[in-house]
PDB file of N, CA and C in Angstrom:
ATOM      1  N   MET A   1       7.475 -11.389  -5.060  1.00  0.00           N
ATOM      2  CA  MET A   1       7.092 -11.452  -6.980  1.00  0.00           C
ATOM      3  C   MET A   1       5.981 -12.461  -7.529  1.00  0.00           C
ATOM      4  N   VAL A   2       4.962 -11.568  -8.499  1.00  0.00           N
ATOM      5  CA  VAL A   2       4.189 -12.530  -8.996  1.00  0.00           C
ATOM      6  C   VAL A   2       3.925 -13.252 -10.147  1.00  0.00           C
ATOM      7  N   ASP A   3       4.283 -14.365 -10.308  1.00  0.00           N
ATOM      8  CA  ASP A   3       4.535 -14.838 -11.711  1.00  0.00           C
ATOM      9  C   ASP A   3       3.342 -15.189 -12.597  1.00  0.00           C
ATOM     10  N   TYR A   4       3.359 -14.421 -13.566  1.00  0.00           N
ATOM     11  CA  TYR A   4       1.931 -14.708 -14.235  1.00  0.00           C
ATOM     12  C   TYR A   4       2.126 -15.581 -15.738  1.00  0.00           C
ATOM     13  N   THR A   5       1.183 -16.466 -15.993  1.00  0.00           N
ATOM     14  CA  THR A   5       1.456 -17.456 -16.848  1.00  0.00           C
ATOM     15  C   THR A   5       1.806 -16.468 -18.058  1.00  0.00           C
ATOM     16  N   ALA A   6       2.006 -17.406 -19.254  1.00  0.00           N
ATOM     17  CA  ALA A   6       2.441 -16.791 -20.854  1.00  0.00           C
ATOM     18  C   ALA A   6       0.470 -16.036 -21.166  1.00  0.00           C
ATOM     19  N   ALA A   7      -0.451 -16.668 -20.645  1.00  0.00           N
ATOM     20  CA  ALA A   7      -1.723 -16.203 -21.200  1.00  0.00           C
ATOM     21  C   ALA A   7      -2.132 -15.182 -20.499  1.00  0.00           C
ATOM     22  N   GLU A   8      -1.732 -15.261 -19.412  1.00  0.00           N
ATOM     23  CA  GLU A   8      -2.576 -13.957 -18.579  1.00  0.00           C
ATOM     24  C   GLU A   8      -1.350 -12.764 -18.928  1.00  0.00           C
ATOM     25  N   GLN A   9      -0.593 -12.804 -19.538  1.00  0.00           N
ATOM     26  CA  GLN A   9       0.650 -12.059 -20.174  1.00  0.00           C
ATOM     27  C   GLN A   9       0.324 -10.929 -21.299  1.00  0.00           C
ATOM     28  N   HIS A  10      -0.430 -12.563 -21.999  1.00  0.00           N
ATOM     29  CA  HIS A  10      -0.886 -11.585 -23.423  1.00  0.00           C
ATOM     30  C   HIS A  10      -2.166 -11.098 -23.248  1.00  0.00           C
ATOM     31  N   ARG A  11      -2.792 -11.449 -22.550  1.00  0.00           N
ATOM     32  CA  ARG A  11      -4.367 -11.094 -21.241  1.00  0.00           C
ATOM     33  C   ARG A  11      -3.958  -9.050 -21.585  1.00  0.00           C
ATOM     34  N   ALA A  12      -3.180  -9.455 -20.715  1.00  0.00           N
ATOM     35  CA  ALA A  12      -2.724  -8.089 -19.970  1.00  0.00           C
ATOM     36  C   ALA A  12      -2.180  -6.982 -21.143  1.00  0.00           C
ATOM     37  N   ALA A  13      -1.463  -7.705 -22.057  1.00  0.00           N
ATOM     38  CA  ALA A  13      -0.554  -6.715 -23.411  1.00  0.00           C
ATOM     39  C   ALA A  13      -2.288  -6.324 -23.920  1.00  0.00           C
ATOM     40  N   ARG A  14      -2.986  -6.821 -24.541  1.00  0.00           N
ATOM     41  CA  ARG A  14      -4.079  -6.908 -25.018  1.00  0.00           C
ATOM     42  C   ARG A  14      -5.194  -5.655 -24.491  1.00  0.00           C
ATOM     43  N   GLU A  15      -5.385  -5.921 -23.041  1.00  0.00           N
ATOM     44  CA  GLU A  15      -5.959  -4.802 -22.623  1.00  0.00           C
ATOM     45  C   GLU A  15      -5.235  -3.506 -22.591  1.00  0.00           C
ATOM     46  N   VAL A  16      -4.313  -3.626 -22.266  1.00  0.00           N
ATOM     47  CA  VAL A  16      -3.123  -2.139 -21.421  1.00  0.00           C
ATOM     48  C   VAL A  16      -3.299  -1.557 -23.179  1.00  0.00           C
ATOM     49  N   GLU A  17      -3.121  -2.406 -24.444  1.00  0.00           N
ATOM     50  CA  GLU A  17      -3.663  -1.957 -25.516  1.00  0.00           C
ATOM     51  C   GLU A  17      -4.551  -0.994 -26.204  1.00  0.00           C
ATOM     52  N   ALA A  18      -5.899  -1.436 -25.438  1.00  0.00           N
ATOM     53  CA  ALA A  18      -7.164  -1.488 -25.579  1.00  0.00           C
ATOM     54  C   ALA A  18      -7.853   0.028 -25.131  1.00  0.00           C
ATOM     55  N   LEU A  19      -6.632   0.079 -24.540  1.00  0.00           N
ATOM     56  CA  LEU A  19      -6.829   1.333 -23.190  1.00  0.00           C
ATOM     57  C   LEU A  19      -7.112   2.978 -24.805  1.00  0.00           C
ATOM     58  N   PRO A  20      -7.783   3.959 -23.832  1.00  0.00           N
ATOM     59  CA  PRO A  20      -7.136   5.178 -24.537  1.00  0.00           C
ATOM     60  C   PRO A  20      -5.661   5.723 -24.365  1.00  0.00           C
ATOM     61  N   GLU A  21      -5.713   6.844 -25.901  1.00  0.00           N
ATOM     62  CA  GLU A  21      -4.423   7.620 -25.719  1.00  0.00           C
ATOM     63  C   GLU A  21      -4.049   8.249 -24.417  1.00  0.00           C
ATOM     64  N   GLY A  22      -2.960   8.429 -23.739  1.00  0.00           N
ATOM     65  CA  GLY A  22      -2.890   9.127 -22.599  1.00  0.00           C
ATOM     66  C   GLY A  22      -3.405   8.346 -21.378  1.00  0.00           C
ATOM     67  N   ALA A  23      -3.997   7.004 -21.841  1.00  0.00           N
ATOM     68  CA  ALA A  23      -4.423   6.784 -20.197  1.00  0.00           C
ATOM     69  C   ALA A  23      -3.366   6.789 -18.761  1.00  0.00           C
ATOM     70  N   MET A  24      -3.990   7.483 -17.664  1.00  0.00           N
ATOM     71  CA  MET A  24      -2.981   7.055 -16.816  1.00  0.00           C
ATOM     72  C   MET A  24      -2.556   5.856 -16.316  1.00  0.00           C
ATOM     73  N   LEU A  25      -3.379   4.535 -16.229  1.00  0.00           N
ATOM     74  CA  LEU A  25      -2.960   3.533 -15.953  1.00  0.00           C
ATOM     75  C   LEU A  25      -1.795   3.080 -16.535  1.00  0.00           C
ATOM     76  N   VAL A  26      -1.520   3.768 -17.839  1.00  0.00           N
ATOM     77  CA  VAL A  26      -0.312   3.197 -18.772  1.00  0.00           C
ATOM     78  C   VAL A  26       0.854   3.832 -17.900  1.00  0.00           C
ATOM     79  N   ARG A  27       0.570   5.105 -17.608  1.00  0.00           N
ATOM     80  CA  ARG A  27       1.933   5.377 -16.800  1.00  0.00           C
ATOM     81  C   ARG A  27       2.112   4.584 -15.653  1.00  0.00           C
ATOM     82  N   MET A  28       1.208   4.516 -14.733  1.00  0.00           N
ATOM     83  CA  MET A  28       1.332   4.074 -13.543  1.00  0.00           C
ATOM     84  C   MET A  28       1.722   2.425 -13.579  1.00  0.00           C
ATOM     85  N   LEU A  29       1.471   1.889 -14.411  1.00  0.00           N
ATOM     86  CA  LEU A  29       2.126   0.542 -15.065  1.00  0.00           C
ATOM     87  C   LEU A  29       3.787   0.500 -15.235  1.00  0.00           C
ATOM     88  N   GLY A  30       4.186   1.804 -16.194  1.00  0.00           N
ATOM     89  CA  GLY A  30       5.496   1.982 -16.522  1.00  0.00           C
ATOM     90  C   GLY A  30       6.032   2.320 -15.115  1.00  0.00           C
ATOM     91  N   ASP A  31       5.591   3.208 -14.189  1.00  0.00           N
ATOM     92  CA  ASP A  31       6.489   3.373 -13.013  1.00  0.00           C
ATOM     93  C   ASP A  31       6.396   2.351 -12.380  1.00  0.00           C
ATOM     94  N   TYR A  32       5.515   1.185 -12.177  1.00  0.00           N
ATOM     95  CA  TYR A  32       5.429   0.267 -11.380  1.00  0.00           C
ATOM     96  C   TYR A  32       6.739  -0.776 -12.066  1.00  0.00           C
ATOM     97  N   ALA A  33       7.010  -0.815 -13.296  1.00  0.00           N
ATOM     98  CA  ALA A  33       8.011  -2.203 -13.757  1.00  0.00           C
ATOM     99  C   ALA A  33       9.210  -1.026 -13.029  1.00  0.00           C
ATOM    100  N   VAL A  34       9.347  -0.024 -13.229  1.00  0.00           N
ATOM    101  CA  VAL A  34      10.512   0.125 -12.840  1.00  0.00           C
ATOM    102  C   VAL A  34      10.732   0.416 -10.576  1.00  0.00           C
ATOM    103  N   LEU A  35       9.937   0.455 -10.509  1.00  0.00           N
ATOM    104  CA  LEU A  35      10.471   0.102  -9.243  1.00  0.00           C
ATOM    105  C   LEU A  35      10.793  -1.425  -8.975  1.00  0.00           C
ATOM    106  N   ARG A  36       9.711  -2.285 -10.183  1.00  0.00           N
ATOM    107  CA  ARG A  36       9.868  -3.584  -9.606  1.00  0.00           C
ATOM    108  C   ARG A  36      11.491  -4.077  -9.847  1.00  0.00           C
ATOM    109  N   ASP A  37      12.067  -3.226 -11.396  1.00  0.00           N
ATOM    110  CA  ASP A  37      13.165  -2.931 -11.847  1.00  0.00           C
ATOM    111  C   ASP A  37      14.075  -2.735 -10.530  1.00  0.00           C
ATOM    112  N   GLN A  38      13.931  -1.994 -10.480  1.00  0.00           N
ATOM    113  CA  GLN A  38      14.904  -1.315  -8.706  1.00  0.00           C
ATOM    114  C   GLN A  38      14.850  -2.130  -7.331  1.00  0.00           C
ATOM    115  N   ALA A  39      13.794  -2.842  -7.023  1.00  0.00           N
ATOM    116  CA  ALA A  39      13.778  -4.321  -6.081  1.00  0.00           C
ATOM    117  C   ALA A  39      14.720  -5.283  -6.538  1.00  0.00           C
ATOM    118  N   ARG A  40      14.154  -5.591  -7.760  1.00  0.00           N
ATOM    119  CA  ARG A  40      15.305  -6.774  -8.286  1.00  0.00           C
ATOM    120  C   ARG A  40      16.462  -6.805  -7.740  1.00  0.00           C
ATOM    121  N   ALA A  41      17.544  -5.508  -8.489  1.00  0.00           N
ATOM    122  CA  ALA A  41      18.319  -5.250  -8.799  1.00  0.00           C
ATOM    123  C   ALA A  41      18.896  -4.946  -6.504  1.00  0.00           C
ATOM    124  N   SER A  42      18.084  -4.346  -6.384  1.00  0.00           N
ATOM    125  CA  SER A  42      18.740  -4.227  -4.550  1.00  0.00           C
ATOM    126  C   SER A  42      18.896  -5.740  -3.699  1.00  0.00           C
ATOM    127  N   TRP A  43      18.380  -6.372  -4.380  1.00  0.00           N
ATOM    128  CA  TRP A  43      18.609  -8.360  -3.440  1.00  0.00           C
ATOM    129  C   TRP A  43      20.278  -8.666  -3.432  1.00  0.00           C
TER     130      TRP A  43
END
């Protein structure tokens, strides 16, 4: 797992918010979040 600083997380959030409606990257990030949570649960 990678730890990101609060500043990095805020920057990423702003960049995601700036993406066009329906951007594929938003869906992919959501999928990644689910996989990350599943990985944490299996530890």
